[in-house]
């Protein structure tokens, strides 16, 4: 979250995607990626809450985590597309 906020503050966000792949997001793509970062934080919080929850309701937490993961990856994909469209314009 702090790294995403710094990216919003500075106007560019460097994201490492793999061994040899990195991208620098600019403009509106930073805000879209920040939304994906928030979903990643929610995913982690749900994992922690599930660990401490004594009830037998694992399926609910699995669904919430799967939804956060899928929607977060989708939003991050939109951020990458937005960044490439703006770079080409």
C-alpha atoms as a PDB file:
ATOM      1  CA  UNK A   1       0.000   0.000   0.000  1.00  0.00           C
ATOM      2  CA  UNK A   2       2.773   2.411   0.894  1.00  0.00           C
ATOM      3  CA  UNK A   3       4.626   1.666  -2.345  1.00  0.00           C
ATOM      4  CA  UNK A   4       1.439   2.268  -4.342  1.00  0.00           C
ATOM      5  CA  UNK A   5       0.805   5.529  -2.489  1.00  0.00           C
ATOM      6  CA  UNK A   6       4.362   6.606  -3.252  1.00  0.00           C
ATOM      7  CA  UNK A   7       3.721   5.806  -6.913  1.00  0.00           C
ATOM      8  CA  UNK A   8       0.662   8.036  -6.890  1.00  0.00           C
ATOM      9  CA  UNK A   9       2.655  10.786  -5.182  1.00  0.00           C
ATOM     10  CA  UNK A  10       5.626  10.593  -7.561  1.00  0.00           C
ATOM     11  CA  UNK A  11       3.618  10.060 -10.738  1.00  0.00           C
ATOM     12  CA  UNK A  12       5.250   6.793 -11.770  1.00  0.00           C
ATOM     13  CA  UNK A  13       5.175   3.288 -10.387  1.00  0.00           C
ATOM     14  CA  UNK A  14       7.855   0.700 -11.176  1.00  0.00           C
ATOM     15  CA  UNK A  15       6.454  -2.841 -11.107  1.00  0.00           C
ATOM     16  CA  UNK A  16       8.661  -5.932 -11.335  1.00  0.00           C
ATOM     17  CA  UNK A  17       6.758  -8.680 -13.189  1.00  0.00           C
ATOM     18  CA  UNK A  18       9.290 -11.475 -13.439  1.00  0.00           C
ATOM     19  CA  UNK A  19      12.916 -12.351 -14.007  1.00  0.00           C
ATOM     20  CA  UNK A  20      13.466 -10.062 -16.966  1.00  0.00           C
ATOM     21  CA  UNK A  21      10.221  -8.160 -17.141  1.00  0.00           C
ATOM     22  CA  UNK A  22       9.434  -4.871 -15.503  1.00  0.00           C
ATOM     23  CA  UNK A  23       7.117  -2.022 -16.354  1.00  0.00           C
ATOM     24  CA  UNK A  24       6.809   1.573 -15.220  1.00  0.00           C
ATOM     25  CA  UNK A  25       3.233   2.764 -14.923  1.00  0.00           C
ATOM     26  CA  UNK A  26       2.310   6.384 -15.564  1.00  0.00           C
ATOM     27  CA  UNK A  27      -0.857   8.445 -15.349  1.00  0.00           C
ATOM     28  CA  UNK A  28      -4.207   6.763 -14.791  1.00  0.00           C
ATOM     29  CA  UNK A  29      -2.631   3.302 -14.853  1.00  0.00           C
ATOM     30  CA  UNK A  30      -1.146   4.020 -11.412  1.00  0.00           C
ATOM     31  CA  UNK A  31      -4.601   4.490  -9.891  1.00  0.00           C
ATOM     32  CA  UNK A  32      -5.882   1.306 -11.521  1.00  0.00           C
ATOM     33  CA  UNK A  33      -2.862  -0.655 -10.251  1.00  0.00           C
ATOM     34  CA  UNK A  34      -3.362   0.845  -6.784  1.00  0.00           C
ATOM     35  CA  UNK A  35      -6.882  -0.629  -6.747  1.00  0.00           C
ATOM     36  CA  UNK A  36      -5.319  -4.017  -7.525  1.00  0.00           C
ATOM     37  CA  UNK A  37      -2.849  -3.486  -4.660  1.00  0.00           C
ATOM     38  CA  UNK A  38      -5.766  -2.815  -2.310  1.00  0.00           C
ATOM     39  CA  UNK A  39      -7.370  -6.091  -3.376  1.00  0.00           C
ATOM     40  CA  UNK A  40      -4.068  -7.828  -2.674  1.00  0.00           C
ATOM     41  CA  UNK A  41      -4.085  -6.385   0.834  1.00  0.00           C
ATOM     42  CA  UNK A  42      -7.673  -7.542   1.333  1.00  0.00           C
ATOM     43  CA  UNK A  43      -6.590 -11.017   0.196  1.00  0.00           C
ATOM     44  CA  UNK A  44      -3.862 -11.067   2.845  1.00  0.00           C
ATOM     45  CA  UNK A  45      -6.215  -9.798   5.558  1.00  0.00           C
ATOM     46  CA  UNK A  46      -8.779 -12.482   4.721  1.00  0.00           C
ATOM     47  CA  UNK A  47      -6.037 -15.107   4.987  1.00  0.00           C
ATOM     48  CA  UNK A  48      -5.106 -13.822   8.458  1.00  0.00           C
ATOM     49  CA  UNK A  49      -8.732 -13.617   9.592  1.00  0.00           C
ATOM     50  CA  UNK A  50      -9.335 -17.163   8.341  1.00  0.00           C
ATOM     51  CA  UNK A  51      -6.353 -18.387  10.339  1.00  0.00           C
ATOM     52  CA  UNK A  52      -7.727 -17.006  13.599  1.00  0.00           C
ATOM     53  CA  UNK A  53     -11.382 -17.898  12.955  1.00  0.00           C
ATOM     54  CA  UNK A  54     -12.250 -21.031  14.933  1.00  0.00           C
ATOM     55  CA  UNK A  55     -15.492 -21.759  13.065  1.00  0.00           C
ATOM     56  CA  UNK A  56     -15.690 -24.366  10.321  1.00  0.00           C
ATOM     57  CA  UNK A  57     -16.425 -22.003   7.417  1.00  0.00           C
ATOM     58  CA  UNK A  58     -13.329 -22.362   5.247  1.00  0.00           C
ATOM     59  CA  UNK A  59     -15.352 -22.329   2.021  1.00  0.00           C
ATOM     60  CA  UNK A  60     -16.461 -18.735   2.549  1.00  0.00           C
ATOM     61  CA  UNK A  61     -12.884 -17.545   2.972  1.00  0.00           C
ATOM     62  CA  UNK A  62     -11.728 -19.562  -0.043  1.00  0.00           C
ATOM     63  CA  UNK A  63     -14.382 -17.887  -2.198  1.00  0.00           C
ATOM     64  CA  UNK A  64     -13.490 -14.418  -0.936  1.00  0.00           C
ATOM     65  CA  UNK A  65      -9.782 -15.007  -1.590  1.00  0.00           C
ATOM     66  CA  UNK A  66     -10.476 -16.403  -5.068  1.00  0.00           C
ATOM     67  CA  UNK A  67     -12.640 -13.390  -5.889  1.00  0.00           C
ATOM     68  CA  UNK A  68     -10.037 -10.927  -4.646  1.00  0.00           C
ATOM     69  CA  UNK A  69      -7.294 -12.702  -6.566  1.00  0.00           C
ATOM     70  CA  UNK A  70      -9.223 -12.924  -9.839  1.00  0.00           C
ATOM     71  CA  UNK A  71     -10.553  -9.369  -9.701  1.00  0.00           C
ATOM     72  CA  UNK A  72      -7.165  -8.002  -8.625  1.00  0.00           C
ATOM     73  CA  UNK A  73      -5.375  -9.695 -11.527  1.00  0.00           C
ATOM     74  CA  UNK A  74      -8.060  -8.458 -13.919  1.00  0.00           C
ATOM     75  CA  UNK A  75      -7.709  -4.884 -12.680  1.00  0.00           C
ATOM     76  CA  UNK A  76      -3.914  -5.086 -12.844  1.00  0.00           C
ATOM     77  CA  UNK A  77      -4.210  -6.343 -16.420  1.00  0.00           C
ATOM     78  CA  UNK A  78      -6.337  -3.301 -17.212  1.00  0.00           C
ATOM     79  CA  UNK A  79      -3.632  -1.107 -15.684  1.00  0.00           C
ATOM     80  CA  UNK A  80      -1.025  -2.655 -17.974  1.00  0.00           C
ATOM     81  CA  UNK A  81      -3.287  -2.188 -20.999  1.00  0.00           C
ATOM     82  CA  UNK A  82      -4.021   1.417 -20.005  1.00  0.00           C
ATOM     83  CA  UNK A  83      -0.319   2.083 -19.630  1.00  0.00           C
ATOM     84  CA  UNK A  84       0.520   0.626 -23.041  1.00  0.00           C
ATOM     85  CA  UNK A  85      -2.312   2.556 -24.714  1.00  0.00           C
ATOM     86  CA  UNK A  86      -1.178   5.820 -23.139  1.00  0.00           C
ATOM     87  CA  UNK A  87       2.450   5.121 -24.083  1.00  0.00           C
ATOM     88  CA  UNK A  88       1.431   4.564 -27.686  1.00  0.00           C
ATOM     89  CA  UNK A  89      -0.657   7.745 -27.862  1.00  0.00           C
END
